[in-house]
Amino acid sequence: MAHAAGEAAEEAALRLYRMQGARLVARRFRRRGVGEIDLILELGGRLVFCEVKSRRTIEEAAAAITPRQWSRLEAAANAYIMEHGVSARTDLRFDVVLADRHGGVEILENAHPY
């Protein structure tokens, strides 16, 4: 059930980003022992690393992102950058998409400094 809710939240997030003109670059980018990024998007020349959290409420989803998880997201983003030769001039940001069980979805742009 939780897995299905997570996938639905990712789909909702992707729809919102596409409405803004974003292009999906990668989905569930994962490196063993490093971490995973739910969505990587290109939006207006910027590379957006996006973590999607789905819980019963938006508040619970926000509380589910721990400092340890941020470290893993940073490590996964760095792995992506190195593997794909992303230019040092590329504008980067970390977003979080929070979703609740009633279909509410909220994008927090620049949720964590890069």
N, C-alpha and C. Protein backbone atom coordinates (compact mmCIF):
# COMPACT_ATOMS: atom_id res chain seq x y z
N MET A 1 0.83 -1.20 0.00
CA MET A 1 0.00 0.00 0.00
C MET A 1 0.87 1.26 0.00
N ALA A 2 1.89 1.29 0.86
CA ALA A 2 2.77 2.46 0.94
C ALA A 2 3.54 2.64 -0.36
N HIS A 3 3.96 1.53 -0.98
CA HIS A 3 4.68 1.61 -2.24
C HIS A 3 3.80 2.23 -3.33
N ALA A 4 2.55 1.80 -3.39
CA ALA A 4 1.61 2.34 -4.38
C ALA A 4 1.35 3.82 -4.15
N ALA A 5 1.23 4.21 -2.89
CA ALA A 5 1.03 5.63 -2.57
C ALA A 5 2.24 6.45 -2.97
N GLY A 6 3.43 5.89 -2.77
CA GLY A 6 4.66 6.59 -3.17
C GLY A 6 4.75 6.77 -4.67
N GLU A 7 4.39 5.74 -5.42
CA GLU A 7 4.41 5.84 -6.88
C GLU A 7 3.37 6.85 -7.37
N ALA A 8 2.19 6.85 -6.75
CA ALA A 8 1.16 7.82 -7.13
C ALA A 8 1.63 9.25 -6.83
N ALA A 9 2.31 9.44 -5.72
CA ALA A 9 2.84 10.76 -5.37
C ALA A 9 3.90 11.20 -6.38
N GLU A 10 4.76 10.27 -6.81
CA GLU A 10 5.76 10.61 -7.82
C GLU A 10 5.10 11.02 -9.14
N GLU A 11 4.05 10.30 -9.52
CA GLU A 11 3.33 10.64 -10.75
C GLU A 11 2.69 12.03 -10.64
N ALA A 12 2.09 12.32 -9.49
CA ALA A 12 1.49 13.64 -9.27
C ALA A 12 2.55 14.73 -9.33
N ALA A 13 3.70 14.47 -8.72
CA ALA A 13 4.80 15.44 -8.75
C ALA A 13 5.27 15.68 -10.18
N LEU A 14 5.44 14.61 -10.92
CA LEU A 14 5.88 14.72 -12.30
C LEU A 14 4.90 15.53 -13.14
N ARG A 15 3.61 15.30 -12.94
CA ARG A 15 2.59 16.08 -13.67
C ARG A 15 2.72 17.57 -13.36
N LEU A 16 2.92 17.91 -12.07
CA LEU A 16 3.07 19.32 -11.69
C LEU A 16 4.30 19.94 -12.34
N TYR A 17 5.40 19.24 -12.33
CA TYR A 17 6.61 19.77 -12.95
C TYR A 17 6.44 19.92 -14.47
N ARG A 18 5.81 18.94 -15.08
CA ARG A 18 5.60 19.03 -16.54
C ARG A 18 4.70 20.21 -16.90
N MET A 19 3.75 20.53 -16.03
CA MET A 19 2.90 21.70 -16.27
C MET A 19 3.73 22.99 -16.24
N GLN A 20 4.87 22.95 -15.55
CA GLN A 20 5.77 24.10 -15.50
C GLN A 20 6.78 24.08 -16.64
N GLY A 21 6.72 23.03 -17.47
CA GLY A 21 7.63 22.92 -18.61
C GLY A 21 8.86 22.06 -18.36
N ALA A 22 8.87 21.31 -17.28
CA ALA A 22 10.02 20.47 -16.95
C ALA A 22 10.08 19.24 -17.85
N ARG A 23 11.30 18.76 -18.01
CA ARG A 23 11.57 17.52 -18.73
C ARG A 23 12.17 16.52 -17.76
N LEU A 24 11.63 15.31 -17.73
CA LEU A 24 12.16 14.26 -16.86
C LEU A 24 13.49 13.78 -17.41
N VAL A 25 14.52 13.82 -16.58
CA VAL A 25 15.86 13.37 -16.95
C VAL A 25 16.09 11.96 -16.44
N ALA A 26 15.69 11.70 -15.21
CA ALA A 26 15.87 10.37 -14.61
C ALA A 26 14.83 10.17 -13.52
N ARG A 27 14.48 8.92 -13.33
CA ARG A 27 13.53 8.56 -12.28
C ARG A 27 14.17 7.47 -11.42
N ARG A 28 14.08 7.66 -10.11
CA ARG A 28 14.64 6.71 -9.14
C ARG A 28 16.11 6.40 -9.43
N PHE A 29 16.88 7.46 -9.59
CA PHE A 29 18.32 7.31 -9.78
C PHE A 29 18.90 6.77 -8.48
N ARG A 30 19.54 5.62 -8.56
CA ARG A 30 20.01 4.94 -7.34
C ARG A 30 21.43 4.44 -7.53
N ARG A 31 22.22 4.62 -6.49
CA ARG A 31 23.54 4.04 -6.44
C ARG A 31 23.67 3.31 -5.12
N ARG A 32 23.99 2.04 -5.22
CA ARG A 32 24.11 1.18 -4.04
C ARG A 32 25.11 1.77 -3.06
N GLY A 33 24.73 1.82 -1.80
CA GLY A 33 25.59 2.35 -0.77
C GLY A 33 25.67 3.86 -0.73
N VAL A 34 24.97 4.53 -1.64
CA VAL A 34 25.02 5.99 -1.71
C VAL A 34 23.65 6.57 -1.39
N GLY A 35 22.66 6.27 -2.23
CA GLY A 35 21.31 6.79 -2.01
C GLY A 35 20.50 6.79 -3.30
N GLU A 36 19.33 7.36 -3.22
CA GLU A 36 18.41 7.40 -4.35
C GLU A 36 17.77 8.77 -4.43
N ILE A 37 17.53 9.21 -5.67
CA ILE A 37 16.79 10.45 -5.92
C ILE A 37 15.55 10.06 -6.71
N ASP A 38 14.39 10.49 -6.24
CA ASP A 38 13.14 10.08 -6.87
C ASP A 38 13.01 10.60 -8.29
N LEU A 39 13.21 11.90 -8.49
CA LEU A 39 13.08 12.51 -9.80
C LEU A 39 14.24 13.47 -10.04
N ILE A 40 14.76 13.43 -11.25
CA ILE A 40 15.73 14.44 -11.68
C ILE A 40 15.12 15.07 -12.92
N LEU A 41 15.00 16.39 -12.89
CA LEU A 41 14.31 17.11 -13.95
C LEU A 41 15.17 18.25 -14.47
N GLU A 42 14.90 18.65 -15.71
CA GLU A 42 15.50 19.85 -16.26
C GLU A 42 14.36 20.85 -16.39
N LEU A 43 14.55 22.00 -15.80
CA LEU A 43 13.51 23.03 -15.80
C LEU A 43 14.17 24.38 -16.04
N GLY A 44 13.95 24.93 -17.21
CA GLY A 44 14.50 26.24 -17.52
C GLY A 44 16.01 26.31 -17.44
N GLY A 45 16.70 25.27 -17.88
CA GLY A 45 18.15 25.24 -17.83
C GLY A 45 18.73 24.83 -16.49
N ARG A 46 17.89 24.57 -15.54
CA ARG A 46 18.31 24.18 -14.18
C ARG A 46 18.08 22.69 -14.00
N LEU A 47 18.99 22.04 -13.30
CA LEU A 47 18.82 20.63 -12.95
C LEU A 47 18.21 20.57 -11.56
N VAL A 48 17.06 19.90 -11.45
CA VAL A 48 16.32 19.82 -10.20
C VAL A 48 16.34 18.38 -9.69
N PHE A 49 16.90 18.20 -8.50
CA PHE A 49 16.87 16.91 -7.81
C PHE A 49 15.68 16.95 -6.87
N CYS A 50 14.79 16.00 -7.01
CA CYS A 50 13.52 16.08 -6.29
C CYS A 50 13.28 14.83 -5.44
N GLU A 51 13.03 15.06 -4.17
CA GLU A 51 12.62 14.00 -3.24
C GLU A 51 11.12 14.10 -3.06
N VAL A 52 10.42 12.99 -3.22
CA VAL A 52 8.97 12.95 -3.07
C VAL A 52 8.65 12.17 -1.79
N LYS A 53 7.85 12.79 -0.92
CA LYS A 53 7.45 12.14 0.33
C LYS A 53 5.93 12.11 0.40
N SER A 54 5.40 10.94 0.68
CA SER A 54 3.96 10.76 0.82
C SER A 54 3.67 10.16 2.19
N ARG A 55 2.79 10.81 2.89
CA ARG A 55 2.35 10.33 4.20
C ARG A 55 0.87 10.66 4.35
N ARG A 56 0.34 10.37 5.50
CA ARG A 56 -1.09 10.62 5.75
C ARG A 56 -1.42 12.10 5.59
N THR A 57 -0.53 12.97 6.08
CA THR A 57 -0.73 14.42 5.96
C THR A 57 0.53 15.05 5.38
N ILE A 58 0.39 16.27 4.86
CA ILE A 58 1.53 17.03 4.35
C ILE A 58 2.56 17.24 5.46
N GLU A 59 2.09 17.53 6.66
CA GLU A 59 2.99 17.76 7.79
C GLU A 59 3.81 16.52 8.11
N GLU A 60 3.17 15.35 8.09
CA GLU A 60 3.88 14.10 8.35
C GLU A 60 4.90 13.83 7.25
N ALA A 61 4.55 14.16 6.02
CA ALA A 61 5.49 13.97 4.91
C ALA A 61 6.72 14.86 5.11
N ALA A 62 6.50 16.10 5.51
CA ALA A 62 7.62 17.03 5.73
C ALA A 62 8.53 16.53 6.85
N ALA A 63 7.93 16.00 7.89
CA ALA A 63 8.71 15.53 9.03
C ALA A 63 9.50 14.26 8.73
N ALA A 64 9.17 13.59 7.64
CA ALA A 64 9.81 12.32 7.31
C ALA A 64 11.19 12.48 6.69
N ILE A 65 11.59 13.70 6.36
CA ILE A 65 12.90 13.92 5.75
C ILE A 65 13.89 14.28 6.85
N THR A 66 14.81 13.38 7.09
CA THR A 66 15.77 13.52 8.19
C THR A 66 17.10 14.06 7.68
N PRO A 67 17.95 14.57 8.58
CA PRO A 67 19.29 15.00 8.17
C PRO A 67 20.08 13.87 7.49
N ARG A 68 19.94 12.67 7.98
CA ARG A 68 20.62 11.53 7.35
C ARG A 68 20.16 11.34 5.91
N GLN A 69 18.85 11.51 5.69
CA GLN A 69 18.34 11.35 4.32
C GLN A 69 18.87 12.46 3.42
N TRP A 70 18.98 13.68 3.94
CA TRP A 70 19.54 14.77 3.14
C TRP A 70 20.97 14.42 2.72
N SER A 71 21.74 13.84 3.62
CA SER A 71 23.11 13.44 3.29
C SER A 71 23.13 12.43 2.16
N ARG A 72 22.23 11.48 2.21
CA ARG A 72 22.15 10.47 1.15
C ARG A 72 21.70 11.08 -0.18
N LEU A 73 20.77 12.04 -0.11
CA LEU A 73 20.33 12.72 -1.34
C LEU A 73 21.49 13.50 -1.96
N GLU A 74 22.25 14.20 -1.12
CA GLU A 74 23.41 14.94 -1.61
C GLU A 74 24.42 14.01 -2.27
N ALA A 75 24.68 12.87 -1.63
CA ALA A 75 25.63 11.91 -2.18
C ALA A 75 25.14 11.35 -3.52
N ALA A 76 23.86 11.06 -3.61
CA ALA A 76 23.30 10.55 -4.86
C ALA A 76 23.36 11.61 -5.95
N ALA A 77 23.06 12.87 -5.60
CA ALA A 77 23.14 13.97 -6.57
C ALA A 77 24.58 14.12 -7.07
N ASN A 78 25.54 14.05 -6.16
CA ASN A 78 26.95 14.15 -6.55
C ASN A 78 27.35 13.00 -7.47
N ALA A 79 26.85 11.80 -7.19
CA ALA A 79 27.14 10.65 -8.05
C ALA A 79 26.56 10.89 -9.45
N TYR A 80 25.34 11.41 -9.51
CA TYR A 80 24.72 11.69 -10.81
C TYR A 80 25.55 12.73 -11.58
N ILE A 81 25.93 13.79 -10.90
CA ILE A 81 26.71 14.86 -11.52
C ILE A 81 28.02 14.33 -12.09
N MET A 82 28.72 13.51 -11.33
CA MET A 82 29.99 12.95 -11.78
C MET A 82 29.80 11.97 -12.94
N GLU A 83 28.81 11.09 -12.83
CA GLU A 83 28.60 10.08 -13.87
C GLU A 83 28.14 10.68 -15.19
N HIS A 84 27.42 11.80 -15.12
CA HIS A 84 26.86 12.38 -16.33
C HIS A 84 27.58 13.64 -16.80
N GLY A 85 28.69 13.94 -16.18
CA GLY A 85 29.49 15.07 -16.62
C GLY A 85 28.76 16.40 -16.60
N VAL A 86 27.96 16.62 -15.58
CA VAL A 86 27.21 17.87 -15.47
C VAL A 86 28.20 19.01 -15.26
N SER A 87 28.05 20.06 -16.04
CA SER A 87 28.96 21.20 -15.98
C SER A 87 28.87 21.92 -14.63
N ALA A 88 30.00 22.42 -14.19
CA ALA A 88 30.04 23.20 -12.94
C ALA A 88 29.22 24.48 -13.06
N ARG A 89 28.93 24.90 -14.29
CA ARG A 89 28.12 26.11 -14.50
C ARG A 89 26.62 25.84 -14.47
N THR A 90 26.24 24.57 -14.40
CA THR A 90 24.83 24.22 -14.38
C THR A 90 24.20 24.64 -13.06
N ASP A 91 23.07 25.32 -13.14
CA ASP A 91 22.33 25.71 -11.95
C ASP A 91 21.63 24.47 -11.40
N LEU A 92 21.78 24.23 -10.11
CA LEU A 92 21.23 23.04 -9.46
C LEU A 92 20.35 23.44 -8.28
N ARG A 93 19.36 22.61 -7.99
CA ARG A 93 18.60 22.83 -6.76
C ARG A 93 17.99 21.51 -6.30
N PHE A 94 17.70 21.47 -4.99
CA PHE A 94 16.98 20.36 -4.38
C PHE A 94 15.57 20.82 -4.06
N ASP A 95 14.59 20.09 -4.57
CA ASP A 95 13.19 20.34 -4.23
C ASP A 95 12.66 19.14 -3.45
N VAL A 96 11.58 19.40 -2.72
CA VAL A 96 10.84 18.34 -2.06
C VAL A 96 9.39 18.48 -2.49
N VAL A 97 8.78 17.36 -2.81
CA VAL A 97 7.35 17.32 -3.08
C VAL A 97 6.70 16.54 -1.96
N LEU A 98 5.77 17.18 -1.29
CA LEU A 98 5.04 16.56 -0.18
C LEU A 98 3.64 16.20 -0.66
N ALA A 99 3.21 14.99 -0.34
CA ALA A 99 1.89 14.53 -0.76
C ALA A 99 1.16 13.91 0.42
N ASP A 100 -0.15 14.13 0.46
CA ASP A 100 -0.95 13.49 1.50
C ASP A 100 -1.84 12.42 0.88
N ARG A 101 -2.53 11.69 1.71
CA ARG A 101 -3.36 10.57 1.25
C ARG A 101 -4.68 11.01 0.61
N HIS A 102 -4.91 12.32 0.57
CA HIS A 102 -6.16 12.83 0.00
C HIS A 102 -5.93 13.51 -1.35
N GLY A 103 -4.71 13.36 -1.89
CA GLY A 103 -4.40 13.94 -3.19
C GLY A 103 -3.75 15.31 -3.14
N GLY A 104 -3.54 15.83 -1.95
CA GLY A 104 -2.84 17.11 -1.82
C GLY A 104 -1.37 16.95 -2.15
N VAL A 105 -0.84 17.88 -2.94
CA VAL A 105 0.56 17.84 -3.34
C VAL A 105 1.12 19.25 -3.25
N GLU A 106 2.31 19.38 -2.68
CA GLU A 106 2.94 20.68 -2.50
C GLU A 106 4.42 20.59 -2.88
N ILE A 107 4.87 21.49 -3.76
CA ILE A 107 6.27 21.54 -4.14
C ILE A 107 6.98 22.59 -3.29
N LEU A 108 8.08 22.20 -2.68
CA LEU A 108 8.93 23.14 -1.94
C LEU A 108 10.22 23.30 -2.74
N GLU A 109 10.32 24.41 -3.46
CA GLU A 109 11.51 24.66 -4.27
C GLU A 109 12.66 25.07 -3.35
N ASN A 110 13.87 24.69 -3.75
CA ASN A 110 15.06 25.02 -2.98
C ASN A 110 14.91 24.63 -1.51
N ALA A 111 14.41 23.43 -1.28
CA ALA A 111 14.13 22.96 0.07
C ALA A 111 15.41 22.71 0.87
N HIS A 112 16.52 22.56 0.17
CA HIS A 112 17.79 22.27 0.84
C HIS A 112 18.89 22.91 0.00
N PRO A 113 19.84 23.56 0.63
CA PRO A 113 20.91 24.18 -0.17
C PRO A 113 21.78 23.13 -0.86
N TYR A 114 22.24 23.48 -2.04
CA TYR A 114 23.15 22.57 -2.73
C TYR A 114 24.56 23.07 -2.56
